[in-house]
């Protein structure tokens, strides 16, 4: 198993997602800075953070538990993006990059959780 979380493709991809989320939310209305913008950014940051923390805990069972937390943060992020797509001030923005990255990260997390399921 890979010891360094920075070598994990899912961590790299979730970092790309987080950067894309920050770029997208930079153009959100200023009145959302303490609302939706903050919530979306926290959910995005939580994904690679929990991958790293889980990996560094040292056991497959702990890693798997933190991957589930990352997966749940992905669901939270997906919901917040759906809300954004329905709001008048943010519904015209281009969500294609973050949607694509989030879908890929969720699939990668699901696959990794499944692989660890056999061993933990």
N, C-alpha and C. Protein backbone atom coordinates (compact mmCIF):
# COMPACT_ATOMS: atom_id res chain seq x y z
N UNK A 1 0.84 -1.19 0.00
CA UNK A 1 0.00 0.00 0.00
C UNK A 1 0.88 1.25 0.00
N UNK A 2 0.44 2.27 -0.65
CA UNK A 2 1.18 3.52 -0.75
C UNK A 2 1.23 4.19 0.63
N UNK A 3 2.42 4.54 1.08
CA UNK A 3 2.56 5.16 2.40
C UNK A 3 2.35 6.67 2.36
N UNK A 4 2.69 7.28 1.28
CA UNK A 4 2.58 8.73 1.17
C UNK A 4 1.27 9.09 0.49
N UNK A 5 0.39 9.77 1.20
CA UNK A 5 -0.90 10.15 0.64
C UNK A 5 -0.77 11.03 -0.60
N UNK A 6 0.32 11.78 -0.71
CA UNK A 6 0.51 12.65 -1.88
C UNK A 6 0.70 11.87 -3.17
N UNK A 7 0.98 10.59 -3.06
CA UNK A 7 1.10 9.74 -4.25
C UNK A 7 -0.22 9.13 -4.67
N UNK A 8 -1.24 9.27 -3.86
CA UNK A 8 -2.55 8.71 -4.19
C UNK A 8 -3.23 9.56 -5.27
N UNK A 9 -3.67 8.91 -6.34
CA UNK A 9 -4.34 9.64 -7.42
C UNK A 9 -5.61 10.34 -6.94
N UNK A 10 -6.34 9.71 -6.02
CA UNK A 10 -7.56 10.31 -5.51
C UNK A 10 -7.26 11.58 -4.72
N UNK A 11 -6.14 11.59 -4.01
CA UNK A 11 -5.76 12.81 -3.28
C UNK A 11 -5.40 13.92 -4.28
N UNK A 12 -4.62 13.58 -5.30
CA UNK A 12 -4.23 14.57 -6.32
C UNK A 12 -5.46 15.14 -7.01
N UNK A 13 -6.39 14.27 -7.39
CA UNK A 13 -7.59 14.71 -8.10
C UNK A 13 -8.47 15.56 -7.19
N UNK A 14 -8.54 15.20 -5.91
CA UNK A 14 -9.36 16.00 -4.98
C UNK A 14 -8.72 17.35 -4.70
N UNK A 15 -7.39 17.43 -4.80
CA UNK A 15 -6.72 18.73 -4.70
C UNK A 15 -7.07 19.59 -5.91
N UNK A 16 -7.09 18.99 -7.09
CA UNK A 16 -7.51 19.71 -8.30
C UNK A 16 -8.94 20.21 -8.15
N UNK A 17 -9.80 19.37 -7.60
CA UNK A 17 -11.19 19.76 -7.36
C UNK A 17 -11.26 20.95 -6.42
N UNK A 18 -10.49 20.92 -5.36
CA UNK A 18 -10.51 22.02 -4.39
C UNK A 18 -10.08 23.34 -5.02
N UNK A 19 -9.03 23.28 -5.83
CA UNK A 19 -8.57 24.50 -6.52
C UNK A 19 -9.65 25.00 -7.47
N UNK A 20 -10.30 24.09 -8.19
CA UNK A 20 -11.37 24.48 -9.12
C UNK A 20 -12.55 25.08 -8.37
N UNK A 21 -12.85 24.54 -7.19
CA UNK A 21 -13.93 25.08 -6.36
C UNK A 21 -13.61 26.51 -5.92
N UNK A 22 -12.38 26.75 -5.52
CA UNK A 22 -11.99 28.10 -5.12
C UNK A 22 -12.11 29.07 -6.29
N UNK A 23 -11.71 28.65 -7.47
CA UNK A 23 -11.84 29.51 -8.66
C UNK A 23 -13.30 29.82 -8.96
N UNK A 24 -14.14 28.80 -8.89
CA UNK A 24 -15.56 28.99 -9.15
C UNK A 24 -16.19 29.92 -8.12
N UNK A 25 -15.92 29.68 -6.86
CA UNK A 25 -16.58 30.47 -5.82
C UNK A 25 -16.01 31.89 -5.70
N UNK A 26 -14.85 32.13 -6.31
CA UNK A 26 -14.33 33.51 -6.36
C UNK A 26 -15.30 34.44 -7.09
N UNK A 27 -16.12 33.89 -7.98
CA UNK A 27 -17.04 34.75 -8.73
C UNK A 27 -18.47 34.68 -8.18
N UNK A 28 -18.66 34.03 -7.04
CA UNK A 28 -19.96 34.04 -6.38
C UNK A 28 -20.23 35.45 -5.85
N UNK A 29 -21.50 35.79 -5.67
CA UNK A 29 -21.82 37.10 -5.11
C UNK A 29 -21.18 37.30 -3.74
N UNK A 30 -20.75 38.51 -3.47
CA UNK A 30 -20.06 38.82 -2.20
C UNK A 30 -20.94 38.54 -0.98
N UNK A 31 -22.26 38.66 -1.12
CA UNK A 31 -23.12 38.39 0.03
C UNK A 31 -23.13 36.92 0.42
N UNK A 32 -22.57 36.05 -0.41
CA UNK A 32 -22.49 34.62 -0.10
C UNK A 32 -21.17 34.23 0.56
N UNK A 33 -20.27 35.19 0.79
CA UNK A 33 -18.94 34.88 1.32
C UNK A 33 -19.00 34.09 2.63
N UNK A 34 -19.96 34.41 3.50
CA UNK A 34 -20.07 33.71 4.78
C UNK A 34 -21.15 32.64 4.76
N UNK A 35 -21.76 32.45 3.62
CA UNK A 35 -22.80 31.44 3.48
C UNK A 35 -22.35 30.31 2.59
N UNK A 36 -22.92 30.29 1.41
CA UNK A 36 -22.67 29.19 0.49
C UNK A 36 -21.20 29.08 0.07
N UNK A 37 -20.55 30.18 -0.18
CA UNK A 37 -19.13 30.13 -0.58
C UNK A 37 -18.29 29.44 0.48
N UNK A 38 -18.47 29.83 1.71
CA UNK A 38 -17.72 29.24 2.82
C UNK A 38 -18.03 27.76 2.98
N UNK A 39 -19.31 27.39 2.90
CA UNK A 39 -19.71 25.99 3.05
C UNK A 39 -19.14 25.12 1.93
N UNK A 40 -19.20 25.61 0.71
CA UNK A 40 -18.70 24.86 -0.44
C UNK A 40 -17.19 24.66 -0.32
N UNK A 41 -16.49 25.70 0.05
CA UNK A 41 -15.04 25.59 0.19
C UNK A 41 -14.65 24.62 1.30
N UNK A 42 -15.36 24.68 2.42
CA UNK A 42 -15.05 23.76 3.53
C UNK A 42 -15.28 22.31 3.13
N UNK A 43 -16.37 22.05 2.42
CA UNK A 43 -16.66 20.68 1.99
C UNK A 43 -15.58 20.19 1.02
N UNK A 44 -15.16 21.06 0.10
CA UNK A 44 -14.12 20.68 -0.87
C UNK A 44 -12.80 20.41 -0.16
N UNK A 45 -12.40 21.27 0.74
CA UNK A 45 -11.14 21.11 1.48
C UNK A 45 -11.16 19.83 2.32
N UNK A 46 -12.32 19.48 2.82
CA UNK A 46 -12.46 18.29 3.66
C UNK A 46 -12.11 17.00 2.92
N UNK A 47 -12.33 16.96 1.62
CA UNK A 47 -12.11 15.72 0.88
C UNK A 47 -10.63 15.32 0.89
N UNK A 48 -9.70 16.13 0.37
CA UNK A 48 -8.30 15.71 0.42
C UNK A 48 -7.73 15.69 1.83
N UNK A 49 -8.25 16.54 2.70
CA UNK A 49 -7.76 16.56 4.09
C UNK A 49 -8.02 15.24 4.79
N UNK A 50 -9.21 14.70 4.62
CA UNK A 50 -9.54 13.43 5.27
C UNK A 50 -8.84 12.25 4.62
N UNK A 51 -8.58 12.33 3.32
CA UNK A 51 -7.78 11.29 2.67
C UNK A 51 -6.39 11.26 3.31
N UNK A 52 -5.79 12.43 3.45
CA UNK A 52 -4.45 12.52 4.04
C UNK A 52 -4.45 12.04 5.49
N UNK A 53 -5.40 12.53 6.28
CA UNK A 53 -5.43 12.14 7.69
C UNK A 53 -5.63 10.64 7.85
N UNK A 54 -6.54 10.08 7.09
CA UNK A 54 -6.79 8.65 7.17
C UNK A 54 -5.59 7.82 6.78
N UNK A 55 -4.91 8.25 5.73
CA UNK A 55 -3.73 7.51 5.27
C UNK A 55 -2.64 7.52 6.33
N UNK A 56 -2.48 8.64 6.99
CA UNK A 56 -1.42 8.76 7.98
C UNK A 56 -1.75 8.09 9.31
N UNK A 57 -2.96 7.63 9.47
CA UNK A 57 -3.33 6.91 10.70
C UNK A 57 -2.72 5.51 10.73
N UNK A 58 -2.33 5.01 9.56
CA UNK A 58 -1.53 3.79 9.53
C UNK A 58 -2.22 2.47 9.33
N UNK A 59 -3.52 2.37 9.58
CA UNK A 59 -4.19 1.09 9.39
C UNK A 59 -5.22 1.21 8.26
N UNK A 60 -5.47 0.10 7.62
CA UNK A 60 -6.46 0.09 6.55
C UNK A 60 -7.86 0.44 7.06
N UNK A 61 -8.19 -0.03 8.25
CA UNK A 61 -9.53 0.26 8.78
C UNK A 61 -9.70 1.75 9.08
N UNK A 62 -8.67 2.40 9.62
CA UNK A 62 -8.74 3.85 9.86
C UNK A 62 -8.78 4.61 8.54
N UNK A 63 -7.96 4.17 7.60
CA UNK A 63 -7.95 4.81 6.28
C UNK A 63 -9.34 4.72 5.65
N UNK A 64 -9.93 3.55 5.70
CA UNK A 64 -11.26 3.35 5.13
C UNK A 64 -12.28 4.26 5.81
N UNK A 65 -12.20 4.38 7.12
CA UNK A 65 -13.14 5.24 7.85
C UNK A 65 -13.03 6.70 7.38
N UNK A 66 -11.82 7.16 7.17
CA UNK A 66 -11.63 8.54 6.70
C UNK A 66 -12.00 8.70 5.23
N UNK A 67 -11.88 7.65 4.46
CA UNK A 67 -12.35 7.71 3.06
C UNK A 67 -13.87 7.87 3.03
N UNK A 68 -14.56 7.21 3.96
CA UNK A 68 -16.01 7.39 4.06
C UNK A 68 -16.34 8.85 4.42
N UNK A 69 -15.56 9.45 5.29
CA UNK A 69 -15.78 10.85 5.64
C UNK A 69 -15.57 11.73 4.41
N UNK A 70 -14.51 11.45 3.64
CA UNK A 70 -14.26 12.19 2.40
C UNK A 70 -15.42 12.03 1.43
N UNK A 71 -15.92 10.81 1.32
CA UNK A 71 -17.04 10.52 0.43
C UNK A 71 -18.28 11.31 0.86
N UNK A 72 -18.52 11.36 2.16
CA UNK A 72 -19.65 12.12 2.68
C UNK A 72 -19.49 13.61 2.41
N UNK A 73 -18.27 14.12 2.51
CA UNK A 73 -18.01 15.53 2.17
C UNK A 73 -18.26 15.78 0.70
N UNK A 74 -17.97 14.78 -0.13
CA UNK A 74 -18.28 14.89 -1.56
C UNK A 74 -19.77 15.00 -1.79
N UNK A 75 -20.56 14.24 -1.05
CA UNK A 75 -22.02 14.34 -1.15
C UNK A 75 -22.51 15.70 -0.69
N UNK A 76 -21.91 16.21 0.36
CA UNK A 76 -22.25 17.55 0.85
C UNK A 76 -21.93 18.59 -0.22
N UNK A 77 -20.75 18.48 -0.81
CA UNK A 77 -20.35 19.41 -1.87
C UNK A 77 -21.28 19.33 -3.07
N UNK A 78 -21.64 18.12 -3.46
CA UNK A 78 -22.55 17.92 -4.59
C UNK A 78 -23.89 18.62 -4.33
N UNK A 79 -24.39 18.49 -3.11
CA UNK A 79 -25.66 19.12 -2.74
C UNK A 79 -25.55 20.64 -2.78
N UNK A 80 -24.47 21.18 -2.25
CA UNK A 80 -24.27 22.63 -2.24
C UNK A 80 -24.15 23.18 -3.66
N UNK A 81 -23.49 22.43 -4.54
CA UNK A 81 -23.40 22.86 -5.94
C UNK A 81 -24.77 22.83 -6.61
N UNK A 82 -25.58 21.82 -6.28
CA UNK A 82 -26.94 21.75 -6.83
C UNK A 82 -27.76 22.95 -6.37
N UNK A 83 -27.61 23.33 -5.10
CA UNK A 83 -28.30 24.53 -4.60
C UNK A 83 -27.85 25.74 -5.40
N UNK A 84 -26.54 25.87 -5.61
CA UNK A 84 -26.00 27.00 -6.36
C UNK A 84 -26.58 27.07 -7.77
N UNK A 85 -26.76 25.93 -8.38
CA UNK A 85 -27.30 25.87 -9.75
C UNK A 85 -28.76 26.32 -9.81
N UNK A 86 -29.42 26.32 -8.67
CA UNK A 86 -30.84 26.70 -8.63
C UNK A 86 -31.06 28.15 -8.19
N UNK A 87 -30.01 28.80 -7.72
CA UNK A 87 -30.14 30.18 -7.25
C UNK A 87 -29.95 31.17 -8.41
N UNK A 88 -30.76 32.21 -8.44
CA UNK A 88 -30.69 33.15 -9.56
C UNK A 88 -29.32 33.80 -9.79
N UNK A 89 -28.59 34.09 -8.73
CA UNK A 89 -27.31 34.79 -8.88
C UNK A 89 -26.14 33.88 -9.24
N UNK A 90 -26.34 32.57 -9.17
CA UNK A 90 -25.24 31.65 -9.45
C UNK A 90 -25.60 30.56 -10.46
N UNK A 91 -26.82 30.56 -10.96
CA UNK A 91 -27.25 29.48 -11.84
C UNK A 91 -26.67 29.54 -13.25
N UNK A 92 -26.13 30.65 -13.64
CA UNK A 92 -25.58 30.79 -14.99
C UNK A 92 -24.08 30.49 -15.06
N UNK A 93 -23.47 30.20 -13.94
CA UNK A 93 -22.03 29.93 -13.92
C UNK A 93 -21.73 28.57 -14.57
N UNK A 94 -20.49 28.40 -14.99
CA UNK A 94 -20.07 27.15 -15.63
C UNK A 94 -19.58 26.17 -14.55
N UNK A 95 -20.37 25.16 -14.31
CA UNK A 95 -20.07 24.15 -13.30
C UNK A 95 -19.44 22.90 -13.89
N UNK A 96 -19.20 22.88 -15.19
CA UNK A 96 -18.78 21.65 -15.86
C UNK A 96 -17.48 21.08 -15.30
N UNK A 97 -16.49 21.92 -15.04
CA UNK A 97 -15.21 21.41 -14.53
C UNK A 97 -15.35 20.81 -13.14
N UNK A 98 -16.01 21.53 -12.23
CA UNK A 98 -16.15 21.01 -10.87
C UNK A 98 -17.05 19.78 -10.84
N UNK A 99 -18.08 19.76 -11.68
CA UNK A 99 -18.95 18.58 -11.74
C UNK A 99 -18.16 17.35 -12.20
N UNK A 100 -17.35 17.54 -13.23
CA UNK A 100 -16.56 16.44 -13.78
C UNK A 100 -15.54 15.94 -12.75
N UNK A 101 -14.83 16.86 -12.12
CA UNK A 101 -13.84 16.48 -11.11
C UNK A 101 -14.49 15.80 -9.92
N UNK A 102 -15.61 16.33 -9.46
CA UNK A 102 -16.29 15.74 -8.32
C UNK A 102 -16.78 14.33 -8.65
N UNK A 103 -17.33 14.14 -9.82
CA UNK A 103 -17.77 12.80 -10.23
C UNK A 103 -16.60 11.82 -10.24
N UNK A 104 -15.48 12.27 -10.77
CA UNK A 104 -14.30 11.41 -10.83
C UNK A 104 -13.78 11.07 -9.44
N UNK A 105 -13.70 12.06 -8.56
CA UNK A 105 -13.24 11.84 -7.20
C UNK A 105 -14.17 10.87 -6.46
N UNK A 106 -15.47 11.05 -6.62
CA UNK A 106 -16.42 10.17 -5.94
C UNK A 106 -16.27 8.72 -6.42
N UNK A 107 -16.07 8.53 -7.70
CA UNK A 107 -15.85 7.18 -8.23
C UNK A 107 -14.56 6.58 -7.69
N UNK A 108 -13.52 7.39 -7.62
CA UNK A 108 -12.23 6.92 -7.11
C UNK A 108 -12.34 6.55 -5.63
N UNK A 109 -13.02 7.38 -4.85
CA UNK A 109 -13.22 7.08 -3.44
C UNK A 109 -14.02 5.79 -3.27
N UNK A 110 -15.07 5.66 -4.02
CA UNK A 110 -15.91 4.47 -3.94
C UNK A 110 -15.10 3.21 -4.27
N UNK A 111 -14.28 3.29 -5.29
CA UNK A 111 -13.45 2.17 -5.69
C UNK A 111 -12.44 1.81 -4.61
N UNK A 112 -11.80 2.81 -4.06
CA UNK A 112 -10.79 2.58 -3.02
C UNK A 112 -11.44 2.01 -1.75
N UNK A 113 -12.60 2.53 -1.39
CA UNK A 113 -13.33 1.99 -0.23
C UNK A 113 -13.67 0.53 -0.47
N UNK A 114 -14.11 0.21 -1.67
CA UNK A 114 -14.44 -1.19 -2.01
C UNK A 114 -13.22 -2.09 -1.91
N UNK A 115 -12.09 -1.62 -2.42
CA UNK A 115 -10.86 -2.41 -2.36
C UNK A 115 -10.42 -2.65 -0.91
N UNK A 116 -10.58 -1.66 -0.08
CA UNK A 116 -10.20 -1.80 1.31
C UNK A 116 -11.20 -2.66 2.08
N UNK A 117 -12.40 -2.77 1.55
CA UNK A 117 -13.43 -3.57 2.20
C UNK A 117 -13.04 -5.02 2.36
N UNK A 118 -12.31 -5.52 1.41
CA UNK A 118 -11.88 -6.92 1.44
C UNK A 118 -10.78 -7.15 2.47
N UNK A 119 -10.03 -6.08 2.77
CA UNK A 119 -8.88 -6.24 3.65
C UNK A 119 -9.11 -5.74 5.07
N UNK A 120 -10.23 -5.06 5.30
CA UNK A 120 -10.44 -4.53 6.66
C UNK A 120 -11.80 -4.87 7.22
